[in-house]
């Protein structure tokens, strides 16, 4: 069990993570957007996609690949351009089709579960801020000379998913609870579409302006 940090380090990491989990970002915005428009199942699949993205980021940091991406100006530019473009595409979809993404009468969502999972995955993976964050946040809780540093980084990254998951599920259920009321208030729902489009656009600009150093 050498990959488990000491109790003080573990508790400090968990507290910091809980604070970060309730901080709004592209992932949370996408969970709420999908849950409101497409229902709980789609929201949960979107959450699963972003969580899987975190596990990939964890492995990239643990094995030093993220550092190579950030160190390469070309790779970093491609990453943040792709991430910004994808968020702008989501903003456009929210404006063009947002209120039409509702649950069908037979219970089948317009957006597939696979599509929702991939939406969550790409939003998370194409966010260079997540790479930089994981490169700067996780290493604070390990020692570079520790022979088990890779195992501890992986443990902390996976624990971040486990600890944040109940919060994400609560957000999805809360948004789904509101969706029934919103379906009978189409003007409010349309206003939310434009709000999410604006939020996605802001995040797109912030991602594109992200610097590697």
N, C-alpha and C. Protein backbone atom coordinates (compact mmCIF):
# COMPACT_ATOMS: atom_id res chain seq x y z
N UNK A 1 0.82 -1.21 0.00
CA UNK A 1 0.00 0.00 0.00
C UNK A 1 0.86 1.27 0.00
N UNK A 2 2.07 1.18 -0.55
CA UNK A 2 2.97 2.33 -0.55
C UNK A 2 2.47 3.47 -1.43
N UNK A 3 1.50 3.18 -2.30
CA UNK A 3 0.99 4.22 -3.20
C UNK A 3 -0.01 5.15 -2.50
N UNK A 4 -0.43 4.81 -1.28
CA UNK A 4 -1.36 5.66 -0.54
C UNK A 4 -0.58 6.70 0.26
N UNK A 5 -0.87 7.99 0.07
CA UNK A 5 -0.15 9.04 0.80
C UNK A 5 -0.42 8.96 2.30
N UNK A 6 0.35 9.70 3.06
CA UNK A 6 0.12 9.76 4.50
C UNK A 6 -1.24 10.40 4.78
N UNK A 7 -1.78 10.16 5.97
CA UNK A 7 -3.11 10.65 6.31
C UNK A 7 -3.22 12.18 6.21
N UNK A 8 -2.27 12.96 6.75
CA UNK A 8 -2.38 14.44 6.61
C UNK A 8 -2.42 14.89 5.15
N UNK A 9 -1.58 14.28 4.32
CA UNK A 9 -1.56 14.63 2.90
C UNK A 9 -2.88 14.24 2.24
N UNK A 10 -3.37 13.06 2.57
CA UNK A 10 -4.62 12.57 2.00
C UNK A 10 -5.79 13.48 2.37
N UNK A 11 -5.86 13.90 3.63
CA UNK A 11 -6.95 14.76 4.07
C UNK A 11 -6.86 16.15 3.44
N UNK A 12 -5.64 16.68 3.33
CA UNK A 12 -5.45 18.00 2.71
C UNK A 12 -5.86 17.95 1.24
N UNK A 13 -5.48 16.89 0.56
CA UNK A 13 -5.85 16.73 -0.85
C UNK A 13 -7.36 16.62 -1.00
N UNK A 14 -8.00 15.85 -0.14
CA UNK A 14 -9.45 15.65 -0.22
C UNK A 14 -10.21 16.96 0.02
N UNK A 15 -9.75 17.75 0.99
CA UNK A 15 -10.40 19.03 1.28
C UNK A 15 -10.27 19.98 0.09
N UNK A 16 -9.06 20.07 -0.45
CA UNK A 16 -8.85 20.94 -1.61
C UNK A 16 -9.70 20.48 -2.79
N UNK A 17 -9.81 19.19 -2.95
CA UNK A 17 -10.57 18.64 -4.06
C UNK A 17 -12.06 18.93 -3.94
N UNK A 18 -12.59 18.85 -2.73
CA UNK A 18 -14.00 19.14 -2.53
C UNK A 18 -14.32 20.59 -2.89
N UNK A 19 -13.41 21.49 -2.54
CA UNK A 19 -13.61 22.90 -2.89
C UNK A 19 -13.58 23.09 -4.40
N UNK A 20 -12.68 22.38 -5.05
CA UNK A 20 -12.57 22.49 -6.51
C UNK A 20 -13.77 21.86 -7.20
N UNK A 21 -14.33 20.80 -6.60
CA UNK A 21 -15.45 20.08 -7.22
C UNK A 21 -16.70 20.94 -7.35
N UNK A 22 -16.85 21.91 -6.45
CA UNK A 22 -18.04 22.77 -6.50
C UNK A 22 -17.78 24.07 -7.27
N UNK A 23 -16.58 24.18 -7.84
CA UNK A 23 -16.26 25.36 -8.64
C UNK A 23 -16.73 25.15 -10.08
N UNK A 24 -17.57 26.05 -10.62
CA UNK A 24 -18.08 25.85 -11.99
C UNK A 24 -16.97 25.87 -13.03
N UNK A 25 -17.15 25.07 -14.05
CA UNK A 25 -16.22 25.00 -15.17
C UNK A 25 -16.92 24.40 -16.37
N UNK A 26 -16.21 24.18 -17.47
CA UNK A 26 -16.84 23.61 -18.67
C UNK A 26 -17.51 22.26 -18.41
N UNK A 27 -16.88 21.41 -17.61
CA UNK A 27 -17.46 20.09 -17.33
C UNK A 27 -18.82 20.23 -16.64
N UNK A 28 -18.86 21.00 -15.56
CA UNK A 28 -20.10 21.17 -14.81
C UNK A 28 -21.18 21.82 -15.68
N UNK A 29 -20.79 22.81 -16.47
CA UNK A 29 -21.75 23.47 -17.35
C UNK A 29 -22.37 22.47 -18.31
N UNK A 30 -21.55 21.57 -18.83
CA UNK A 30 -22.04 20.57 -19.77
C UNK A 30 -22.98 19.58 -19.09
N UNK A 31 -22.66 19.15 -17.86
CA UNK A 31 -23.56 18.24 -17.14
C UNK A 31 -24.94 18.86 -16.98
N UNK A 32 -24.96 20.12 -16.54
CA UNK A 32 -26.23 20.79 -16.29
C UNK A 32 -27.00 20.97 -17.59
N UNK A 33 -26.29 21.41 -18.62
CA UNK A 33 -26.93 21.65 -19.92
C UNK A 33 -27.57 20.38 -20.46
N UNK A 34 -26.82 19.28 -20.45
CA UNK A 34 -27.34 18.02 -20.97
C UNK A 34 -28.49 17.49 -20.10
N UNK A 35 -28.37 17.63 -18.79
CA UNK A 35 -29.41 17.13 -17.88
C UNK A 35 -30.71 17.89 -18.05
N UNK A 36 -30.61 19.21 -18.19
CA UNK A 36 -31.80 20.03 -18.36
C UNK A 36 -32.51 19.71 -19.67
N UNK A 37 -31.75 19.53 -20.74
CA UNK A 37 -32.35 19.37 -22.05
C UNK A 37 -32.68 17.93 -22.39
N UNK A 38 -31.86 16.99 -21.89
CA UNK A 38 -32.00 15.61 -22.35
C UNK A 38 -32.33 14.61 -21.26
N UNK A 39 -32.33 15.04 -20.01
CA UNK A 39 -32.71 14.13 -18.95
C UNK A 39 -31.53 13.58 -18.16
N UNK A 40 -31.89 12.88 -17.08
CA UNK A 40 -30.91 12.39 -16.11
C UNK A 40 -29.93 11.38 -16.72
N UNK A 41 -30.43 10.45 -17.51
CA UNK A 41 -29.56 9.40 -18.07
C UNK A 41 -28.46 10.00 -18.93
N UNK A 42 -28.85 10.98 -19.76
CA UNK A 42 -27.86 11.64 -20.63
C UNK A 42 -26.90 12.46 -19.79
N UNK A 43 -27.41 13.11 -18.75
CA UNK A 43 -26.54 13.89 -17.87
C UNK A 43 -25.51 13.01 -17.18
N UNK A 44 -25.95 11.83 -16.73
CA UNK A 44 -25.03 10.92 -16.06
C UNK A 44 -23.98 10.37 -17.02
N UNK A 45 -24.36 10.12 -18.27
CA UNK A 45 -23.39 9.65 -19.25
C UNK A 45 -22.37 10.75 -19.58
N UNK A 46 -22.84 12.00 -19.60
CA UNK A 46 -21.91 13.12 -19.80
C UNK A 46 -20.92 13.20 -18.65
N UNK A 47 -21.44 13.04 -17.44
CA UNK A 47 -20.58 13.01 -16.25
C UNK A 47 -19.57 11.87 -16.34
N UNK A 48 -20.02 10.71 -16.81
CA UNK A 48 -19.12 9.56 -16.96
C UNK A 48 -18.01 9.88 -17.96
N UNK A 49 -18.37 10.60 -19.01
CA UNK A 49 -17.36 10.98 -20.01
C UNK A 49 -16.30 11.91 -19.45
N UNK A 50 -16.72 12.92 -18.69
CA UNK A 50 -15.73 13.84 -18.11
C UNK A 50 -14.88 13.13 -17.06
N UNK A 51 -15.49 12.21 -16.32
CA UNK A 51 -14.74 11.46 -15.31
C UNK A 51 -13.69 10.57 -15.97
N UNK A 52 -14.06 9.96 -17.08
CA UNK A 52 -13.09 9.13 -17.80
C UNK A 52 -11.95 9.99 -18.33
N UNK A 53 -12.29 11.22 -18.74
CA UNK A 53 -11.26 12.15 -19.18
C UNK A 53 -10.27 12.46 -18.07
N UNK A 54 -10.77 12.61 -16.83
CA UNK A 54 -9.90 12.86 -15.69
C UNK A 54 -8.94 11.68 -15.47
N UNK A 55 -9.44 10.47 -15.66
CA UNK A 55 -8.57 9.30 -15.49
C UNK A 55 -7.45 9.30 -16.53
N UNK A 56 -7.76 9.75 -17.74
CA UNK A 56 -6.73 9.83 -18.79
C UNK A 56 -5.72 10.91 -18.44
N UNK A 57 -6.21 12.08 -17.98
CA UNK A 57 -5.30 13.14 -17.55
C UNK A 57 -4.38 12.66 -16.43
N UNK A 58 -4.93 11.87 -15.52
CA UNK A 58 -4.14 11.34 -14.41
C UNK A 58 -2.97 10.50 -14.93
N UNK A 59 -3.27 9.62 -15.87
CA UNK A 59 -2.22 8.77 -16.43
C UNK A 59 -1.18 9.60 -17.19
N UNK A 60 -1.64 10.62 -17.91
CA UNK A 60 -0.72 11.47 -18.66
C UNK A 60 0.25 12.19 -17.73
N UNK A 61 -0.28 12.67 -16.60
CA UNK A 61 0.58 13.36 -15.63
C UNK A 61 1.52 12.37 -14.96
N UNK A 62 0.98 11.22 -14.56
CA UNK A 62 1.78 10.24 -13.84
C UNK A 62 2.97 9.75 -14.65
N UNK A 63 2.79 9.66 -15.96
CA UNK A 63 3.87 9.15 -16.81
C UNK A 63 4.60 10.25 -17.59
N UNK A 64 4.31 11.52 -17.23
CA UNK A 64 5.07 12.63 -17.78
C UNK A 64 4.70 13.08 -19.16
N UNK A 65 3.61 12.55 -19.73
CA UNK A 65 3.24 12.90 -21.10
C UNK A 65 2.67 14.32 -21.17
N UNK A 66 1.93 14.71 -20.14
CA UNK A 66 1.35 16.06 -20.12
C UNK A 66 2.44 17.13 -20.20
N UNK A 67 3.56 16.87 -19.52
CA UNK A 67 4.67 17.84 -19.54
C UNK A 67 5.21 18.01 -20.96
N UNK A 68 5.23 16.93 -21.72
CA UNK A 68 5.71 17.01 -23.11
C UNK A 68 4.75 17.83 -23.96
N UNK A 69 3.43 17.66 -23.72
CA UNK A 69 2.43 18.42 -24.49
C UNK A 69 2.57 19.91 -24.21
N UNK A 70 2.68 20.26 -22.93
CA UNK A 70 2.80 21.67 -22.55
C UNK A 70 4.11 22.26 -23.06
N UNK A 71 5.17 21.45 -23.10
CA UNK A 71 6.48 21.94 -23.53
C UNK A 71 6.54 22.16 -25.04
N UNK A 72 5.64 21.53 -25.79
CA UNK A 72 5.64 21.69 -27.24
C UNK A 72 4.66 22.79 -27.64
N UNK A 73 5.13 23.93 -28.14
CA UNK A 73 4.23 25.03 -28.53
C UNK A 73 3.20 24.60 -29.56
N UNK A 74 3.61 23.77 -30.53
CA UNK A 74 2.69 23.34 -31.58
C UNK A 74 1.59 22.45 -31.01
N UNK A 75 1.99 21.47 -30.20
CA UNK A 75 1.01 20.55 -29.62
C UNK A 75 0.04 21.31 -28.70
N UNK A 76 0.57 22.25 -27.92
CA UNK A 76 -0.27 22.99 -27.00
C UNK A 76 -1.24 23.90 -27.76
N UNK A 77 -0.77 24.52 -28.84
CA UNK A 77 -1.63 25.37 -29.65
C UNK A 77 -2.76 24.56 -30.29
N UNK A 78 -2.42 23.38 -30.82
CA UNK A 78 -3.44 22.52 -31.42
C UNK A 78 -4.47 22.09 -30.38
N UNK A 79 -3.99 21.77 -29.19
CA UNK A 79 -4.88 21.33 -28.13
C UNK A 79 -5.86 22.43 -27.74
N UNK A 80 -5.35 23.61 -27.46
CA UNK A 80 -6.25 24.67 -26.99
C UNK A 80 -7.13 25.21 -28.11
N UNK A 81 -6.64 25.18 -29.36
CA UNK A 81 -7.49 25.60 -30.49
C UNK A 81 -8.63 24.61 -30.68
N UNK A 82 -8.31 23.32 -30.59
CA UNK A 82 -9.34 22.29 -30.70
C UNK A 82 -10.36 22.40 -29.58
N UNK A 83 -9.89 22.62 -28.36
CA UNK A 83 -10.79 22.74 -27.22
C UNK A 83 -11.70 23.95 -27.34
N UNK A 84 -11.15 25.08 -27.73
CA UNK A 84 -11.95 26.31 -27.90
C UNK A 84 -12.98 26.13 -29.01
N UNK A 85 -12.56 25.51 -30.11
CA UNK A 85 -13.47 25.30 -31.24
C UNK A 85 -14.62 24.37 -30.85
N UNK A 86 -14.31 23.34 -30.06
CA UNK A 86 -15.35 22.40 -29.65
C UNK A 86 -16.37 23.08 -28.74
N UNK A 87 -15.91 23.92 -27.82
CA UNK A 87 -16.83 24.62 -26.93
C UNK A 87 -17.68 25.62 -27.72
N UNK A 88 -17.09 26.27 -28.72
CA UNK A 88 -17.87 27.18 -29.56
C UNK A 88 -18.93 26.42 -30.35
N UNK A 89 -18.59 25.21 -30.78
CA UNK A 89 -19.56 24.37 -31.49
C UNK A 89 -20.72 24.02 -30.55
N UNK A 90 -20.41 23.69 -29.29
CA UNK A 90 -21.46 23.41 -28.31
C UNK A 90 -22.34 24.64 -28.08
N UNK A 91 -21.71 25.82 -28.06
CA UNK A 91 -22.47 27.06 -27.89
C UNK A 91 -23.44 27.25 -29.06
N UNK A 92 -22.94 27.00 -30.26
CA UNK A 92 -23.78 27.12 -31.46
C UNK A 92 -24.93 26.13 -31.42
N UNK A 93 -24.65 24.90 -30.99
CA UNK A 93 -25.70 23.89 -30.89
C UNK A 93 -26.76 24.30 -29.87
N UNK A 94 -26.33 24.92 -28.77
CA UNK A 94 -27.27 25.36 -27.74
C UNK A 94 -28.22 26.41 -28.29
N UNK A 95 -27.71 27.31 -29.12
CA UNK A 95 -28.54 28.36 -29.69
C UNK A 95 -29.45 27.81 -30.78
N UNK A 96 -28.91 26.95 -31.63
CA UNK A 96 -29.68 26.45 -32.78
C UNK A 96 -30.70 25.38 -32.40
N UNK A 97 -30.30 24.46 -31.49
CA UNK A 97 -31.15 23.31 -31.24
C UNK A 97 -31.47 23.09 -29.76
N UNK A 98 -31.00 23.98 -28.90
CA UNK A 98 -31.11 23.74 -27.46
C UNK A 98 -32.46 23.27 -26.98
N UNK A 99 -33.51 24.04 -27.21
CA UNK A 99 -34.82 23.71 -26.69
C UNK A 99 -35.47 22.53 -27.39
N UNK A 100 -34.88 22.10 -28.50
CA UNK A 100 -35.41 20.94 -29.20
C UNK A 100 -34.85 19.64 -28.65
N UNK A 101 -33.82 19.73 -27.80
CA UNK A 101 -33.22 18.54 -27.23
C UNK A 101 -34.02 18.15 -25.98
N UNK A 102 -35.16 17.54 -26.19
CA UNK A 102 -36.02 17.14 -25.08
C UNK A 102 -36.23 15.63 -25.13
N UNK A 103 -36.79 15.09 -24.05
CA UNK A 103 -37.05 13.66 -23.98
C UNK A 103 -38.28 13.32 -24.80
N UNK A 104 -38.14 12.32 -25.66
CA UNK A 104 -39.26 11.89 -26.47
C UNK A 104 -40.32 11.22 -25.60
N UNK A 105 -41.50 11.11 -26.15
CA UNK A 105 -42.60 10.52 -25.40
C UNK A 105 -42.33 9.06 -25.05
N UNK A 106 -41.60 8.35 -25.89
CA UNK A 106 -41.33 6.94 -25.63
C UNK A 106 -40.16 6.73 -24.68
N UNK A 107 -39.56 7.85 -24.21
CA UNK A 107 -38.50 7.74 -23.22
C UNK A 107 -37.12 7.72 -23.81
N UNK A 108 -36.96 7.72 -25.12
CA UNK A 108 -35.65 7.71 -25.75
C UNK A 108 -35.17 9.13 -25.96
N UNK A 109 -33.99 9.42 -25.51
CA UNK A 109 -33.45 10.77 -25.65
C UNK A 109 -33.00 11.02 -27.07
N UNK A 110 -33.13 12.27 -27.50
CA UNK A 110 -32.68 12.65 -28.83
C UNK A 110 -31.17 12.44 -28.95
N UNK A 111 -30.44 12.81 -27.90
CA UNK A 111 -29.00 12.62 -27.87
C UNK A 111 -28.71 11.22 -27.34
N UNK A 112 -27.88 10.45 -28.03
CA UNK A 112 -27.57 9.11 -27.58
C UNK A 112 -26.67 9.13 -26.35
N UNK A 113 -26.70 8.04 -25.60
CA UNK A 113 -25.84 7.94 -24.42
C UNK A 113 -24.37 7.93 -24.83
N UNK A 114 -24.10 7.27 -25.94
CA UNK A 114 -22.72 7.23 -26.44
C UNK A 114 -22.26 8.64 -26.82
N UNK A 115 -23.15 9.39 -27.49
CA UNK A 115 -22.82 10.76 -27.87
C UNK A 115 -22.59 11.64 -26.66
N UNK A 116 -23.41 11.45 -25.61
CA UNK A 116 -23.26 12.24 -24.39
C UNK A 116 -21.92 11.92 -23.72
N UNK A 117 -21.58 10.64 -23.68
CA UNK A 117 -20.30 10.22 -23.08
C UNK A 117 -19.14 10.87 -23.83
N UNK A 118 -19.19 10.84 -25.16
CA UNK A 118 -18.11 11.41 -25.95
C UNK A 118 -18.06 12.93 -25.81
N UNK A 119 -19.23 13.57 -25.70
CA UNK A 119 -19.27 15.02 -25.45
C UNK A 119 -18.49 15.36 -24.19
N UNK A 120 -18.80 14.63 -23.12
CA UNK A 120 -18.11 14.87 -21.85
C UNK A 120 -16.62 14.60 -21.94
N UNK A 121 -16.28 13.51 -22.63
CA UNK A 121 -14.87 13.14 -22.76
C UNK A 121 -14.09 14.21 -23.52
N UNK A 122 -14.61 14.67 -24.66
CA UNK A 122 -13.86 15.64 -25.48
C UNK A 122 -13.75 16.98 -24.80
N UNK A 123 -14.81 17.44 -24.13
CA UNK A 123 -14.74 18.72 -23.42
C UNK A 123 -13.65 18.67 -22.37
N UNK A 124 -13.52 17.54 -21.70
CA UNK A 124 -12.51 17.41 -20.66
C UNK A 124 -11.11 17.27 -21.25
N UNK A 125 -10.95 16.41 -22.23
CA UNK A 125 -9.62 16.16 -22.79
C UNK A 125 -9.06 17.35 -23.56
N UNK A 126 -9.94 18.13 -24.20
CA UNK A 126 -9.49 19.24 -25.02
C UNK A 126 -9.34 20.55 -24.24
N UNK A 127 -9.39 20.44 -22.93
CA UNK A 127 -9.23 21.63 -22.09
C UNK A 127 -7.79 21.69 -21.57
N UNK A 128 -6.95 22.54 -22.14
CA UNK A 128 -5.55 22.61 -21.70
C UNK A 128 -5.42 23.05 -20.25
N UNK A 129 -6.44 23.75 -19.73
CA UNK A 129 -6.38 24.17 -18.34
C UNK A 129 -6.41 22.97 -17.41
N UNK A 130 -7.09 21.91 -17.83
CA UNK A 130 -7.13 20.70 -17.00
C UNK A 130 -5.75 20.06 -16.96
N UNK A 131 -5.07 20.04 -18.12
CA UNK A 131 -3.71 19.48 -18.16
C UNK A 131 -2.79 20.27 -17.25
N UNK A 132 -2.81 21.59 -17.39
CA UNK A 132 -1.94 22.44 -16.57
C UNK A 132 -2.29 22.30 -15.09
N UNK A 133 -3.61 22.24 -14.81
CA UNK A 133 -4.05 22.10 -13.43
C UNK A 133 -3.53 20.81 -12.82
N UNK A 134 -3.69 19.70 -13.53
CA UNK A 134 -3.24 18.42 -12.99
C UNK A 134 -1.72 18.38 -12.85
N UNK A 135 -1.02 19.06 -13.76
CA UNK A 135 0.44 19.09 -13.67
C UNK A 135 0.93 19.89 -12.47
N UNK A 136 0.15 20.88 -12.05
CA UNK A 136 0.56 21.73 -10.93
C UNK A 136 -0.09 21.32 -9.61
N UNK A 137 -1.29 20.73 -9.68
CA UNK A 137 -2.03 20.40 -8.45
C UNK A 137 -1.59 19.07 -7.86
N UNK A 138 -1.61 18.01 -8.63
CA UNK A 138 -1.27 16.68 -8.11
C UNK A 138 0.15 16.61 -7.54
N UNK A 139 1.16 17.16 -8.24
CA UNK A 139 2.53 17.04 -7.72
C UNK A 139 2.75 17.71 -6.37
N UNK A 140 1.85 18.63 -5.98
CA UNK A 140 2.01 19.27 -4.67
C UNK A 140 1.86 18.28 -3.51
N UNK A 141 1.24 17.13 -3.79
CA UNK A 141 0.93 16.18 -2.73
C UNK A 141 1.82 14.93 -2.80
N UNK A 142 2.90 15.04 -3.57
CA UNK A 142 3.88 13.95 -3.62
C UNK A 142 5.28 14.55 -3.57
N UNK A 143 6.26 13.70 -3.34
CA UNK A 143 7.66 14.11 -3.33
C UNK A 143 8.35 13.51 -4.55
N UNK A 144 9.05 14.36 -5.29
CA UNK A 144 9.67 13.90 -6.54
C UNK A 144 10.62 12.74 -6.33
N UNK A 145 11.26 12.70 -5.16
CA UNK A 145 12.24 11.63 -4.89
C UNK A 145 11.60 10.36 -4.34
N UNK A 146 10.30 10.41 -4.13
CA UNK A 146 9.58 9.24 -3.62
C UNK A 146 9.60 8.12 -4.67
N UNK A 147 10.08 6.92 -4.32
CA UNK A 147 10.11 5.83 -5.30
C UNK A 147 8.73 5.38 -5.76
N UNK A 148 7.69 5.74 -5.00
CA UNK A 148 6.33 5.38 -5.35
C UNK A 148 5.54 6.56 -5.89
N UNK A 149 6.25 7.57 -6.42
CA UNK A 149 5.59 8.80 -6.85
C UNK A 149 4.56 8.53 -7.95
N UNK A 150 4.85 7.66 -8.90
CA UNK A 150 3.91 7.38 -9.99
C UNK A 150 2.63 6.75 -9.45
N UNK A 151 2.79 5.77 -8.55
CA UNK A 151 1.63 5.12 -7.96
C UNK A 151 0.78 6.09 -7.16
N UNK A 152 1.43 7.01 -6.44
CA UNK A 152 0.68 7.98 -5.64
C UNK A 152 -0.06 8.98 -6.52
N UNK A 153 0.55 9.39 -7.62
CA UNK A 153 -0.13 10.30 -8.55
C UNK A 153 -1.37 9.64 -9.14
N UNK A 154 -1.24 8.37 -9.51
CA UNK A 154 -2.38 7.65 -10.06
C UNK A 154 -3.47 7.49 -8.99
N UNK A 155 -3.07 7.16 -7.77
CA UNK A 155 -4.04 7.00 -6.68
C UNK A 155 -4.79 8.30 -6.43
N UNK A 156 -4.06 9.42 -6.35
CA UNK A 156 -4.70 10.71 -6.08
C UNK A 156 -5.63 11.11 -7.22
N UNK A 157 -5.20 10.86 -8.45
CA UNK A 157 -6.05 11.20 -9.59
C UNK A 157 -7.33 10.40 -9.60
N UNK A 158 -7.24 9.10 -9.33
CA UNK A 158 -8.44 8.26 -9.31
C UNK A 158 -9.32 8.58 -8.10
N UNK A 159 -8.68 8.92 -6.98
CA UNK A 159 -9.46 9.32 -5.81
C UNK A 159 -10.22 10.62 -6.08
N UNK A 160 -9.65 11.49 -6.89
CA UNK A 160 -10.34 12.75 -7.23
C UNK A 160 -11.64 12.46 -7.96
N UNK A 161 -11.65 11.40 -8.79
CA UNK A 161 -12.88 11.02 -9.49
C UNK A 161 -13.91 10.49 -8.50
N UNK A 162 -13.46 9.59 -7.62
CA UNK A 162 -14.37 8.97 -6.65
C UNK A 162 -14.98 10.01 -5.72
N UNK A 163 -14.16 10.95 -5.26
CA UNK A 163 -14.64 11.96 -4.31
C UNK A 163 -15.57 12.97 -4.97
N UNK A 164 -15.29 13.30 -6.22
CA UNK A 164 -16.09 14.31 -6.92
C UNK A 164 -17.38 13.75 -7.51
N UNK A 165 -17.42 12.43 -7.69
CA UNK A 165 -18.57 11.82 -8.37
C UNK A 165 -19.90 12.08 -7.68
N UNK A 166 -20.01 11.94 -6.34
CA UNK A 166 -21.30 12.22 -5.70
C UNK A 166 -21.77 13.66 -5.93
N UNK A 167 -20.85 14.60 -5.97
CA UNK A 167 -21.22 15.99 -6.23
C UNK A 167 -21.77 16.13 -7.65
N UNK A 168 -21.06 15.51 -8.60
CA UNK A 168 -21.53 15.55 -9.98
C UNK A 168 -22.89 14.90 -10.14
N UNK A 169 -23.10 13.76 -9.48
CA UNK A 169 -24.40 13.08 -9.56
C UNK A 169 -25.49 13.94 -8.97
N UNK A 170 -25.19 14.61 -7.85
CA UNK A 170 -26.16 15.50 -7.24
C UNK A 170 -26.54 16.65 -8.15
N UNK A 171 -25.56 17.20 -8.86
CA UNK A 171 -25.83 18.29 -9.80
C UNK A 171 -26.71 17.81 -10.95
N UNK A 172 -26.42 16.61 -11.46
CA UNK A 172 -27.22 16.05 -12.56
C UNK A 172 -28.66 15.82 -12.11
N UNK A 173 -28.84 15.23 -10.93
CA UNK A 173 -30.19 14.96 -10.43
C UNK A 173 -30.95 16.27 -10.18
N UNK A 174 -30.23 17.27 -9.67
CA UNK A 174 -30.87 18.55 -9.43
C UNK A 174 -31.34 19.20 -10.72
N UNK A 175 -30.49 19.15 -11.75
CA UNK A 175 -30.86 19.72 -13.05
C UNK A 175 -32.02 18.94 -13.66
N UNK A 176 -31.99 17.62 -13.53
CA UNK A 176 -33.08 16.79 -14.07
C UNK A 176 -34.40 17.10 -13.35
N UNK A 177 -34.33 17.35 -12.05
CA UNK A 177 -35.53 17.69 -11.28
C UNK A 177 -36.15 18.98 -11.80
N UNK A 178 -35.32 19.92 -12.21
CA UNK A 178 -35.82 21.19 -12.73
C UNK A 178 -36.35 21.08 -14.15
N UNK A 179 -35.92 20.04 -14.87
CA UNK A 179 -36.24 19.97 -16.29
C UNK A 179 -37.74 19.85 -16.55
N UNK A 180 -38.46 19.13 -15.68
CA UNK A 180 -39.90 18.96 -15.88
C UNK A 180 -40.61 20.31 -15.85
N UNK A 181 -40.22 21.14 -14.89
CA UNK A 181 -40.82 22.48 -14.82
C UNK A 181 -40.44 23.32 -16.02
N UNK A 182 -39.20 23.19 -16.45
CA UNK A 182 -38.73 23.99 -17.58
C UNK A 182 -39.42 23.61 -18.88
N UNK A 183 -39.80 22.34 -19.02
CA UNK A 183 -40.47 21.92 -20.24
C UNK A 183 -41.82 22.62 -20.42
N UNK A 184 -42.40 23.07 -19.32
CA UNK A 184 -43.68 23.80 -19.40
C UNK A 184 -43.46 25.30 -19.43
N UNK A 185 -42.21 25.72 -19.37
CA UNK A 185 -41.87 27.15 -19.43
C UNK A 185 -40.80 27.33 -20.51
N UNK A 186 -41.24 27.25 -21.74
CA UNK A 186 -40.33 27.20 -22.87
C UNK A 186 -39.48 28.46 -23.00
N UNK A 187 -40.04 29.61 -22.64
CA UNK A 187 -39.27 30.85 -22.75
C UNK A 187 -38.09 30.83 -21.77
N UNK A 188 -38.34 30.33 -20.58
CA UNK A 188 -37.26 30.23 -19.60
C UNK A 188 -36.20 29.25 -20.10
N UNK A 189 -36.66 28.12 -20.65
CA UNK A 189 -35.74 27.12 -21.18
C UNK A 189 -34.90 27.70 -22.30
N UNK A 190 -35.53 28.51 -23.16
CA UNK A 190 -34.78 29.12 -24.26
C UNK A 190 -33.76 30.12 -23.74
N UNK A 191 -34.14 30.83 -22.67
CA UNK A 191 -33.19 31.74 -22.05
C UNK A 191 -31.98 31.01 -21.49
N UNK A 192 -32.22 29.82 -20.94
CA UNK A 192 -31.12 29.01 -20.43
C UNK A 192 -30.22 28.56 -21.57
N UNK A 193 -30.83 28.23 -22.72
CA UNK A 193 -30.02 27.86 -23.90
C UNK A 193 -29.01 28.96 -24.23
N UNK A 194 -29.50 30.20 -24.27
CA UNK A 194 -28.61 31.31 -24.59
C UNK A 194 -27.58 31.55 -23.49
N UNK A 195 -28.00 31.31 -22.25
CA UNK A 195 -27.06 31.46 -21.14
C UNK A 195 -25.92 30.46 -21.27
N UNK A 196 -26.26 29.20 -21.53
CA UNK A 196 -25.23 28.18 -21.69
C UNK A 196 -24.35 28.47 -22.91
N UNK A 197 -24.96 28.98 -23.98
CA UNK A 197 -24.17 29.34 -25.16
C UNK A 197 -23.15 30.41 -24.80
N UNK A 198 -23.58 31.39 -24.01
CA UNK A 198 -22.66 32.44 -23.58
C UNK A 198 -21.56 31.91 -22.68
N UNK A 199 -21.93 31.02 -21.76
CA UNK A 199 -20.93 30.45 -20.85
C UNK A 199 -19.92 29.61 -21.61
N UNK A 200 -20.39 28.77 -22.53
CA UNK A 200 -19.48 27.97 -23.35
C UNK A 200 -18.54 28.87 -24.15
N UNK A 201 -19.07 29.97 -24.67
CA UNK A 201 -18.24 30.90 -25.46
C UNK A 201 -17.16 31.54 -24.60
N UNK A 202 -17.53 31.92 -23.38
CA UNK A 202 -16.56 32.52 -22.46
C UNK A 202 -15.45 31.52 -22.13
N UNK A 203 -15.85 30.28 -21.85
CA UNK A 203 -14.85 29.24 -21.56
C UNK A 203 -13.96 29.00 -22.77
N UNK A 204 -14.54 29.07 -23.97
CA UNK A 204 -13.75 28.87 -25.19
C UNK A 204 -12.67 29.93 -25.31
N UNK A 205 -13.03 31.19 -25.04
CA UNK A 205 -12.05 32.28 -25.11
C UNK A 205 -10.97 32.09 -24.04
N UNK A 206 -11.38 31.72 -22.82
CA UNK A 206 -10.42 31.54 -21.74
C UNK A 206 -9.45 30.40 -22.06
N UNK A 207 -9.98 29.32 -22.65
CA UNK A 207 -9.12 28.20 -23.01
C UNK A 207 -8.12 28.61 -24.09
N UNK A 208 -8.61 29.35 -25.09
CA UNK A 208 -7.72 29.76 -26.18
C UNK A 208 -6.63 30.70 -25.68
N UNK A 209 -6.93 31.49 -24.64
CA UNK A 209 -5.95 32.43 -24.10
C UNK A 209 -5.01 31.80 -23.10
N UNK A 210 -5.23 30.50 -22.79
CA UNK A 210 -4.38 29.81 -21.83
C UNK A 210 -2.94 29.75 -22.31
N UNK A 211 -2.02 30.05 -21.41
CA UNK A 211 -0.59 29.97 -21.73
C UNK A 211 -0.01 28.70 -21.10
N UNK A 212 0.96 28.11 -21.76
CA UNK A 212 1.55 26.87 -21.26
C UNK A 212 2.45 27.10 -20.06
N UNK A 213 2.91 28.32 -19.87
CA UNK A 213 3.81 28.61 -18.75
C UNK A 213 3.32 29.82 -18.00
